[in-house]
Amino acid sequence: MCPTIRVDDEVYDWLRGQAVPFDDTPNSVLRRIAHLDERAAEGEKAVQTNARSGQKPIKRTPGRRTPLATGQELIKRWGIPVVQARFHRDGHYYEHLTKFPAALCDRKGYVVFESEEEYTSCPHLHLGQQLNVEQPGIASMPGYREADDPLS
């Protein structure tokens, strides 16, 4: 069993500021900052790979993990016919879509929602404070379209 650690509001706010939204946990942030996680080194390699491939390098903030991609980048890269897109590397957690047509993207593809009604009535989505997608993610949803990995 893992120990419980209590922090004050100021420390918690700082910790939250170091996180990549919908991707990090307090533990993953602390592991990255303490250099306990080799995945941080993999993130550095991804930035170098994108730079070599001619892709615009993603701006880094010291101590934060570099995002693989943004929804706006993938709209252009993959030619998705939408006005808004959200990206999550595993296709599970997103910010809500607010402009339609819109898309949810993961590392291997995307799903398009033509209207807000189609989005809000989708049985694979759980619309709470954040958008959660049923396991195993958007790749299992009808209408999922495969695309190239943003790291390649």
N, C-alpha and C. Protein backbone atom coordinates (compact mmCIF):
# COMPACT_ATOMS: atom_id res chain seq x y z
N MET A 1 0.84 -1.18 0.00
CA MET A 1 0.00 0.00 0.00
C MET A 1 0.88 1.25 0.00
N CYS A 2 0.51 2.24 -0.81
CA CYS A 2 1.29 3.48 -0.90
C CYS A 2 0.92 4.41 0.24
N PRO A 3 1.90 5.18 0.73
CA PRO A 3 1.61 6.12 1.81
C PRO A 3 0.81 7.31 1.29
N THR A 4 0.07 7.95 2.18
CA THR A 4 -0.66 9.17 1.86
C THR A 4 0.20 10.36 2.25
N ILE A 5 0.31 11.31 1.33
CA ILE A 5 1.09 12.52 1.59
C ILE A 5 0.13 13.70 1.56
N ARG A 6 0.18 14.53 2.57
CA ARG A 6 -0.67 15.72 2.62
C ARG A 6 0.17 16.95 2.30
N VAL A 7 -0.37 17.82 1.46
CA VAL A 7 0.31 19.06 1.10
C VAL A 7 -0.67 20.21 1.28
N ASP A 8 -0.13 21.41 1.50
CA ASP A 8 -1.01 22.56 1.65
C ASP A 8 -1.48 23.04 0.27
N ASP A 9 -2.42 23.99 0.25
CA ASP A 9 -3.00 24.46 -1.00
C ASP A 9 -1.98 25.08 -1.94
N GLU A 10 -1.02 25.80 -1.40
CA GLU A 10 -0.01 26.45 -2.23
C GLU A 10 0.86 25.41 -2.95
N VAL A 11 1.28 24.37 -2.25
CA VAL A 11 2.08 23.31 -2.86
C VAL A 11 1.24 22.56 -3.89
N TYR A 12 -0.01 22.29 -3.56
CA TYR A 12 -0.88 21.58 -4.51
C TYR A 12 -1.07 22.39 -5.79
N ASP A 13 -1.29 23.71 -5.66
CA ASP A 13 -1.45 24.56 -6.84
C ASP A 13 -0.18 24.56 -7.69
N TRP A 14 1.00 24.61 -7.04
CA TRP A 14 2.25 24.55 -7.77
C TRP A 14 2.37 23.21 -8.52
N LEU A 15 2.06 22.12 -7.82
CA LEU A 15 2.14 20.79 -8.41
C LEU A 15 1.20 20.69 -9.61
N ARG A 16 0.01 21.18 -9.48
CA ARG A 16 -0.96 21.15 -10.57
C ARG A 16 -0.46 21.98 -11.75
N GLY A 17 0.23 23.09 -11.47
CA GLY A 17 0.80 23.91 -12.53
C GLY A 17 1.90 23.22 -13.31
N GLN A 18 2.53 22.21 -12.74
CA GLN A 18 3.59 21.46 -13.40
C GLN A 18 3.04 20.33 -14.26
N ALA A 19 1.75 20.03 -14.13
CA ALA A 19 1.15 18.86 -14.79
C ALA A 19 0.74 19.16 -16.23
N VAL A 20 0.79 18.13 -17.06
CA VAL A 20 0.21 18.18 -18.39
C VAL A 20 -1.25 17.78 -18.22
N PRO A 21 -2.21 18.68 -18.53
CA PRO A 21 -3.62 18.38 -18.28
C PRO A 21 -4.07 17.07 -18.92
N PHE A 22 -4.85 16.32 -18.17
CA PHE A 22 -5.45 15.05 -18.58
C PHE A 22 -4.42 13.98 -18.89
N ASP A 23 -3.19 14.20 -18.50
CA ASP A 23 -2.14 13.25 -18.81
C ASP A 23 -1.35 12.87 -17.56
N ASP A 24 -1.11 13.84 -16.69
CA ASP A 24 -0.28 13.62 -15.51
C ASP A 24 -1.10 13.35 -14.26
N THR A 25 -0.45 12.68 -13.33
CA THR A 25 -0.95 12.52 -11.97
C THR A 25 0.05 13.22 -11.06
N PRO A 26 -0.29 13.52 -9.80
CA PRO A 26 0.71 14.10 -8.91
C PRO A 26 1.99 13.25 -8.84
N ASN A 27 1.83 11.94 -8.83
CA ASN A 27 3.00 11.06 -8.77
C ASN A 27 3.87 11.19 -10.02
N SER A 28 3.25 11.25 -11.22
CA SER A 28 4.06 11.34 -12.44
C SER A 28 4.79 12.67 -12.52
N VAL A 29 4.17 13.76 -12.03
CA VAL A 29 4.85 15.06 -12.00
C VAL A 29 6.06 15.00 -11.09
N LEU A 30 5.87 14.47 -9.89
CA LEU A 30 6.99 14.39 -8.94
C LEU A 30 8.11 13.48 -9.46
N ARG A 31 7.75 12.36 -10.10
CA ARG A 31 8.77 11.47 -10.66
C ARG A 31 9.57 12.19 -11.75
N ARG A 32 8.89 12.96 -12.59
CA ARG A 32 9.57 13.68 -13.66
C ARG A 32 10.50 14.75 -13.10
N ILE A 33 10.02 15.54 -12.15
CA ILE A 33 10.82 16.61 -11.57
C ILE A 33 12.02 16.05 -10.80
N ALA A 34 11.84 14.91 -10.16
CA ALA A 34 12.93 14.27 -9.41
C ALA A 34 13.82 13.41 -10.30
N HIS A 35 13.52 13.38 -11.61
CA HIS A 35 14.30 12.59 -12.57
C HIS A 35 14.30 11.10 -12.22
N LEU A 36 13.17 10.60 -11.74
CA LEU A 36 13.04 9.19 -11.40
C LEU A 36 12.42 8.38 -12.53
N ASP A 37 12.00 9.04 -13.57
CA ASP A 37 11.25 8.37 -14.62
C ASP A 37 12.00 8.47 -15.94
N GLU A 38 12.34 7.35 -16.53
CA GLU A 38 13.07 7.35 -17.79
C GLU A 38 12.20 7.83 -18.94
N ARG A 39 10.88 7.87 -18.76
CA ARG A 39 10.01 8.35 -19.83
C ARG A 39 10.29 9.81 -20.15
N ALA A 40 10.81 10.58 -19.20
CA ALA A 40 11.17 11.97 -19.48
C ALA A 40 12.23 12.02 -20.57
N ALA A 41 13.19 11.09 -20.51
CA ALA A 41 14.23 11.02 -21.54
C ALA A 41 13.62 10.65 -22.89
N GLU A 42 12.61 9.78 -22.90
CA GLU A 42 11.94 9.41 -24.14
C GLU A 42 11.24 10.62 -24.74
N GLY A 43 10.66 11.47 -23.90
CA GLY A 43 10.01 12.69 -24.37
C GLY A 43 11.00 13.62 -25.05
N GLU A 44 12.23 13.71 -24.51
CA GLU A 44 13.27 14.52 -25.14
C GLU A 44 13.61 13.96 -26.53
N LYS A 45 13.69 12.62 -26.65
CA LYS A 45 13.98 12.01 -27.94
C LYS A 45 12.88 12.32 -28.94
N ALA A 46 11.62 12.35 -28.49
CA ALA A 46 10.49 12.64 -29.38
C ALA A 46 10.61 14.05 -29.94
N VAL A 47 11.02 15.01 -29.12
CA VAL A 47 11.19 16.38 -29.59
C VAL A 47 12.28 16.42 -30.65
N GLN A 48 13.40 15.72 -30.42
CA GLN A 48 14.48 15.70 -31.38
C GLN A 48 14.04 15.03 -32.68
N THR A 49 13.24 13.95 -32.59
CA THR A 49 12.75 13.25 -33.77
C THR A 49 11.88 14.18 -34.60
N ASN A 50 10.95 14.91 -33.96
CA ASN A 50 10.09 15.85 -34.68
C ASN A 50 10.91 16.92 -35.37
N ALA A 51 11.96 17.41 -34.71
CA ALA A 51 12.79 18.46 -35.29
C ALA A 51 13.52 17.93 -36.54
N ARG A 52 14.01 16.70 -36.48
CA ARG A 52 14.73 16.11 -37.62
C ARG A 52 13.78 15.85 -38.79
N SER A 53 12.53 15.53 -38.52
CA SER A 53 11.59 15.19 -39.58
C SER A 53 11.03 16.41 -40.28
N GLY A 54 11.45 17.61 -39.84
CA GLY A 54 10.96 18.83 -40.47
C GLY A 54 9.70 19.36 -39.82
N GLN A 55 9.13 18.64 -38.87
CA GLN A 55 7.95 19.12 -38.16
C GLN A 55 8.35 20.28 -37.26
N LYS A 56 7.46 21.21 -37.06
CA LYS A 56 7.72 22.33 -36.17
C LYS A 56 7.94 21.79 -34.76
N PRO A 57 9.09 22.11 -34.12
CA PRO A 57 9.33 21.59 -32.77
C PRO A 57 8.33 22.18 -31.78
N ILE A 58 7.94 21.37 -30.81
CA ILE A 58 7.00 21.79 -29.79
C ILE A 58 7.77 22.54 -28.71
N LYS A 59 7.26 23.70 -28.32
CA LYS A 59 7.93 24.53 -27.32
C LYS A 59 7.92 23.80 -25.97
N ARG A 60 9.09 23.73 -25.33
CA ARG A 60 9.24 23.04 -24.05
C ARG A 60 9.22 24.03 -22.91
N THR A 61 8.62 23.62 -21.80
CA THR A 61 8.69 24.35 -20.55
C THR A 61 9.53 23.50 -19.61
N PRO A 62 10.60 24.04 -19.03
CA PRO A 62 11.45 23.24 -18.15
C PRO A 62 10.64 22.54 -17.05
N GLY A 63 10.93 21.26 -16.84
CA GLY A 63 10.26 20.49 -15.80
C GLY A 63 8.92 19.93 -16.21
N ARG A 64 8.47 20.19 -17.42
CA ARG A 64 7.18 19.67 -17.88
C ARG A 64 7.40 18.72 -19.05
N ARG A 65 6.57 17.69 -19.12
CA ARG A 65 6.66 16.76 -20.23
C ARG A 65 6.11 17.43 -21.49
N THR A 66 6.76 17.21 -22.60
CA THR A 66 6.33 17.78 -23.87
C THR A 66 5.11 17.03 -24.39
N PRO A 67 4.06 17.75 -24.79
CA PRO A 67 2.92 17.06 -25.38
C PRO A 67 3.30 16.47 -26.72
N LEU A 68 2.69 15.35 -27.09
CA LEU A 68 2.99 14.73 -28.37
C LEU A 68 2.46 15.57 -29.52
N ALA A 69 1.28 16.14 -29.33
CA ALA A 69 0.62 16.91 -30.38
C ALA A 69 -0.51 17.70 -29.76
N THR A 70 -1.05 18.61 -30.56
CA THR A 70 -2.27 19.32 -30.16
C THR A 70 -3.34 19.01 -31.19
N GLY A 71 -4.56 19.25 -30.81
CA GLY A 71 -5.67 19.03 -31.75
C GLY A 71 -5.52 19.87 -33.00
N GLN A 72 -5.13 21.14 -32.85
CA GLN A 72 -4.99 22.03 -34.00
C GLN A 72 -3.89 21.54 -34.95
N GLU A 73 -2.80 21.03 -34.40
CA GLU A 73 -1.74 20.49 -35.25
C GLU A 73 -2.23 19.28 -36.05
N LEU A 74 -3.04 18.44 -35.40
CA LEU A 74 -3.52 17.23 -36.08
C LEU A 74 -4.58 17.54 -37.13
N ILE A 75 -5.38 18.60 -36.93
CA ILE A 75 -6.33 19.02 -37.96
C ILE A 75 -5.57 19.28 -39.26
N LYS A 76 -4.46 20.01 -39.15
CA LYS A 76 -3.65 20.33 -40.33
C LYS A 76 -2.92 19.11 -40.86
N ARG A 77 -2.27 18.38 -39.98
CA ARG A 77 -1.44 17.24 -40.40
C ARG A 77 -2.26 16.16 -41.07
N TRP A 78 -3.41 15.83 -40.47
CA TRP A 78 -4.22 14.74 -40.99
C TRP A 78 -5.34 15.21 -41.91
N GLY A 79 -5.51 16.52 -42.07
CA GLY A 79 -6.57 17.04 -42.94
C GLY A 79 -7.96 16.72 -42.41
N ILE A 80 -8.15 16.81 -41.11
CA ILE A 80 -9.45 16.48 -40.51
C ILE A 80 -10.41 17.62 -40.81
N PRO A 81 -11.59 17.33 -41.38
CA PRO A 81 -12.53 18.39 -41.76
C PRO A 81 -13.37 18.88 -40.58
N VAL A 82 -12.71 19.51 -39.60
CA VAL A 82 -13.38 20.00 -38.39
C VAL A 82 -12.83 21.38 -38.03
N VAL A 83 -13.53 22.05 -37.10
CA VAL A 83 -13.05 23.35 -36.62
C VAL A 83 -12.34 23.23 -35.29
N GLN A 84 -12.53 22.11 -34.59
CA GLN A 84 -11.88 21.91 -33.29
C GLN A 84 -11.52 20.44 -33.13
N ALA A 85 -10.38 20.19 -32.51
CA ALA A 85 -9.97 18.81 -32.21
C ALA A 85 -9.27 18.80 -30.86
N ARG A 86 -9.42 17.69 -30.15
CA ARG A 86 -8.74 17.47 -28.88
C ARG A 86 -7.88 16.22 -29.03
N PHE A 87 -6.70 16.24 -28.40
CA PHE A 87 -5.78 15.12 -28.49
C PHE A 87 -5.47 14.57 -27.10
N HIS A 88 -5.44 13.24 -26.99
CA HIS A 88 -4.90 12.55 -25.82
C HIS A 88 -4.17 11.33 -26.34
N ARG A 89 -2.95 11.12 -25.85
CA ARG A 89 -2.10 10.06 -26.40
C ARG A 89 -2.75 8.68 -26.36
N ASP A 90 -3.55 8.37 -25.33
CA ASP A 90 -4.18 7.06 -25.22
C ASP A 90 -5.66 7.05 -25.59
N GLY A 91 -6.24 8.21 -25.87
CA GLY A 91 -7.63 8.26 -26.30
C GLY A 91 -8.65 8.06 -25.20
N HIS A 92 -8.33 8.47 -23.96
CA HIS A 92 -9.24 8.24 -22.83
C HIS A 92 -9.80 9.50 -22.20
N TYR A 93 -9.00 10.55 -22.06
CA TYR A 93 -9.41 11.75 -21.31
C TYR A 93 -9.19 13.00 -22.15
N TYR A 94 -10.20 13.85 -22.20
CA TYR A 94 -10.12 15.05 -23.03
C TYR A 94 -10.80 16.22 -22.35
N GLU A 95 -10.46 17.43 -22.83
CA GLU A 95 -11.27 18.59 -22.52
C GLU A 95 -12.52 18.45 -23.39
N HIS A 96 -13.60 19.10 -22.99
CA HIS A 96 -14.84 19.01 -23.77
C HIS A 96 -14.73 19.69 -25.12
N LEU A 97 -15.43 19.14 -26.09
CA LEU A 97 -15.55 19.78 -27.39
C LEU A 97 -16.61 20.87 -27.29
N THR A 98 -16.37 22.01 -27.92
CA THR A 98 -17.31 23.13 -27.82
C THR A 98 -17.72 23.72 -29.17
N LYS A 99 -16.97 23.40 -30.24
CA LYS A 99 -17.26 23.92 -31.58
C LYS A 99 -17.36 22.73 -32.53
N PHE A 100 -18.37 22.74 -33.38
CA PHE A 100 -18.60 21.59 -34.25
C PHE A 100 -18.64 22.01 -35.71
N PRO A 101 -18.25 21.08 -36.62
CA PRO A 101 -17.80 19.72 -36.39
C PRO A 101 -16.48 19.71 -35.61
N ALA A 102 -16.28 18.62 -34.85
CA ALA A 102 -15.11 18.49 -33.98
C ALA A 102 -14.62 17.05 -33.98
N ALA A 103 -13.39 16.86 -33.46
CA ALA A 103 -12.81 15.52 -33.45
C ALA A 103 -12.08 15.26 -32.15
N LEU A 104 -12.08 13.99 -31.76
CA LEU A 104 -11.24 13.49 -30.67
C LEU A 104 -10.14 12.67 -31.34
N CYS A 105 -8.89 12.92 -30.96
CA CYS A 105 -7.75 12.27 -31.59
C CYS A 105 -6.90 11.53 -30.56
N ASP A 106 -6.32 10.41 -30.99
CA ASP A 106 -5.29 9.75 -30.21
C ASP A 106 -4.06 9.63 -31.11
N ARG A 107 -3.07 8.86 -30.71
CA ARG A 107 -1.83 8.77 -31.49
C ARG A 107 -2.01 8.10 -32.84
N LYS A 108 -3.09 7.35 -33.02
CA LYS A 108 -3.22 6.57 -34.25
C LYS A 108 -4.41 6.94 -35.11
N GLY A 109 -5.21 7.93 -34.67
CA GLY A 109 -6.35 8.29 -35.48
C GLY A 109 -7.32 9.21 -34.76
N TYR A 110 -8.55 9.26 -35.27
CA TYR A 110 -9.52 10.22 -34.74
C TYR A 110 -10.96 9.78 -35.01
N VAL A 111 -11.88 10.42 -34.28
CA VAL A 111 -13.33 10.25 -34.47
C VAL A 111 -13.92 11.64 -34.64
N VAL A 112 -14.78 11.82 -35.65
CA VAL A 112 -15.40 13.11 -35.93
C VAL A 112 -16.83 13.12 -35.41
N PHE A 113 -17.21 14.25 -34.82
CA PHE A 113 -18.59 14.50 -34.39
C PHE A 113 -19.09 15.69 -35.20
N GLU A 114 -20.09 15.45 -36.05
CA GLU A 114 -20.60 16.49 -36.93
C GLU A 114 -21.37 17.57 -36.17
N SER A 115 -21.99 17.18 -35.04
CA SER A 115 -22.82 18.15 -34.32
C SER A 115 -22.69 17.93 -32.81
N GLU A 116 -23.11 18.93 -32.06
CA GLU A 116 -23.10 18.81 -30.60
C GLU A 116 -24.04 17.69 -30.15
N GLU A 117 -25.15 17.53 -30.83
CA GLU A 117 -26.09 16.46 -30.48
C GLU A 117 -25.45 15.08 -30.65
N GLU A 118 -24.73 14.88 -31.75
CA GLU A 118 -24.04 13.60 -31.97
C GLU A 118 -23.02 13.36 -30.86
N TYR A 119 -22.32 14.40 -30.45
CA TYR A 119 -21.32 14.31 -29.38
C TYR A 119 -21.96 13.98 -28.03
N THR A 120 -22.98 14.74 -27.64
CA THR A 120 -23.58 14.56 -26.32
C THR A 120 -24.38 13.27 -26.20
N SER A 121 -24.81 12.71 -27.33
CA SER A 121 -25.60 11.47 -27.26
C SER A 121 -24.75 10.22 -27.50
N CYS A 122 -23.46 10.36 -27.70
CA CYS A 122 -22.59 9.21 -27.97
C CYS A 122 -22.49 8.33 -26.72
N PRO A 123 -22.86 7.06 -26.82
CA PRO A 123 -22.85 6.18 -25.65
C PRO A 123 -21.45 5.80 -25.16
N HIS A 124 -20.41 6.07 -25.94
CA HIS A 124 -19.03 5.73 -25.55
C HIS A 124 -18.38 6.82 -24.71
N LEU A 125 -19.06 7.96 -24.61
CA LEU A 125 -18.49 9.11 -23.90
C LEU A 125 -19.19 9.33 -22.58
N HIS A 126 -18.42 9.72 -21.57
CA HIS A 126 -18.96 10.09 -20.26
C HIS A 126 -18.64 11.56 -20.05
N LEU A 127 -19.69 12.39 -20.15
CA LEU A 127 -19.52 13.84 -20.08
C LEU A 127 -19.66 14.30 -18.64
N GLY A 128 -18.55 14.51 -17.98
CA GLY A 128 -18.52 15.03 -16.62
C GLY A 128 -17.73 16.32 -16.63
N GLN A 129 -17.00 16.56 -15.55
CA GLN A 129 -16.16 17.75 -15.49
C GLN A 129 -15.11 17.70 -16.61
N GLN A 130 -14.65 16.50 -16.92
CA GLN A 130 -13.82 16.29 -18.10
C GLN A 130 -14.49 15.20 -18.91
N LEU A 131 -14.05 15.02 -20.13
CA LEU A 131 -14.62 14.00 -21.01
C LEU A 131 -13.84 12.70 -20.82
N ASN A 132 -14.53 11.64 -20.46
CA ASN A 132 -13.92 10.33 -20.32
C ASN A 132 -14.49 9.42 -21.40
N VAL A 133 -13.63 8.61 -21.98
CA VAL A 133 -14.03 7.68 -23.03
C VAL A 133 -13.93 6.28 -22.48
N GLU A 134 -14.95 5.46 -22.76
CA GLU A 134 -14.93 4.07 -22.30
C GLU A 134 -13.66 3.37 -22.79
N GLN A 135 -13.16 2.44 -21.98
CA GLN A 135 -12.01 1.63 -22.37
C GLN A 135 -12.40 0.79 -23.58
N PRO A 136 -11.55 0.58 -24.52
CA PRO A 136 -10.14 0.89 -24.56
C PRO A 136 -9.82 2.24 -25.19
N GLY A 137 -10.78 3.15 -25.33
CA GLY A 137 -10.52 4.48 -25.88
C GLY A 137 -11.24 4.70 -27.20
N ILE A 138 -10.93 5.82 -27.85
CA ILE A 138 -11.66 6.18 -29.07
C ILE A 138 -11.42 5.21 -30.22
N ALA A 139 -10.32 4.48 -30.19
CA ALA A 139 -10.02 3.54 -31.29
C ALA A 139 -11.08 2.46 -31.45
N SER A 140 -11.86 2.20 -30.40
CA SER A 140 -12.89 1.17 -30.47
C SER A 140 -14.25 1.74 -30.88
N MET A 141 -14.33 3.05 -31.09
CA MET A 141 -15.61 3.68 -31.43
C MET A 141 -15.92 3.55 -32.92
N PRO A 142 -17.22 3.44 -33.25
CA PRO A 142 -17.59 3.43 -34.67
C PRO A 142 -17.16 4.76 -35.32
N GLY A 143 -16.69 4.69 -36.54
CA GLY A 143 -16.27 5.89 -37.26
C GLY A 143 -14.83 6.30 -37.02
N TYR A 144 -14.09 5.51 -36.22
CA TYR A 144 -12.68 5.82 -35.95
C TYR A 144 -11.90 5.70 -37.25
N ARG A 145 -11.10 6.71 -37.55
CA ARG A 145 -10.29 6.74 -38.76
C ARG A 145 -8.81 6.70 -38.38
N GLU A 146 -8.08 5.75 -38.94
CA GLU A 146 -6.66 5.63 -38.64
C GLU A 146 -5.84 6.68 -39.37
N ALA A 147 -4.76 7.11 -38.72
CA ALA A 147 -3.83 8.10 -39.30
C ALA A 147 -2.43 7.78 -38.82
N ASP A 148 -1.45 8.55 -39.29
CA ASP A 148 -0.07 8.32 -38.87
C ASP A 148 0.15 8.78 -37.45
N ASP A 149 1.11 8.17 -36.78
CA ASP A 149 1.48 8.53 -35.41
C ASP A 149 2.19 9.87 -35.43
N PRO A 150 1.76 10.85 -34.58
CA PRO A 150 2.41 12.16 -34.59
C PRO A 150 3.89 12.13 -34.22
N LEU A 151 4.37 11.04 -33.66
CA LEU A 151 5.80 10.96 -33.33
C LEU A 151 6.65 10.51 -34.52
N SER A 152 6.00 9.97 -35.55
CA SER A 152 6.81 9.46 -36.67
C SER A 152 7.14 10.55 -37.65
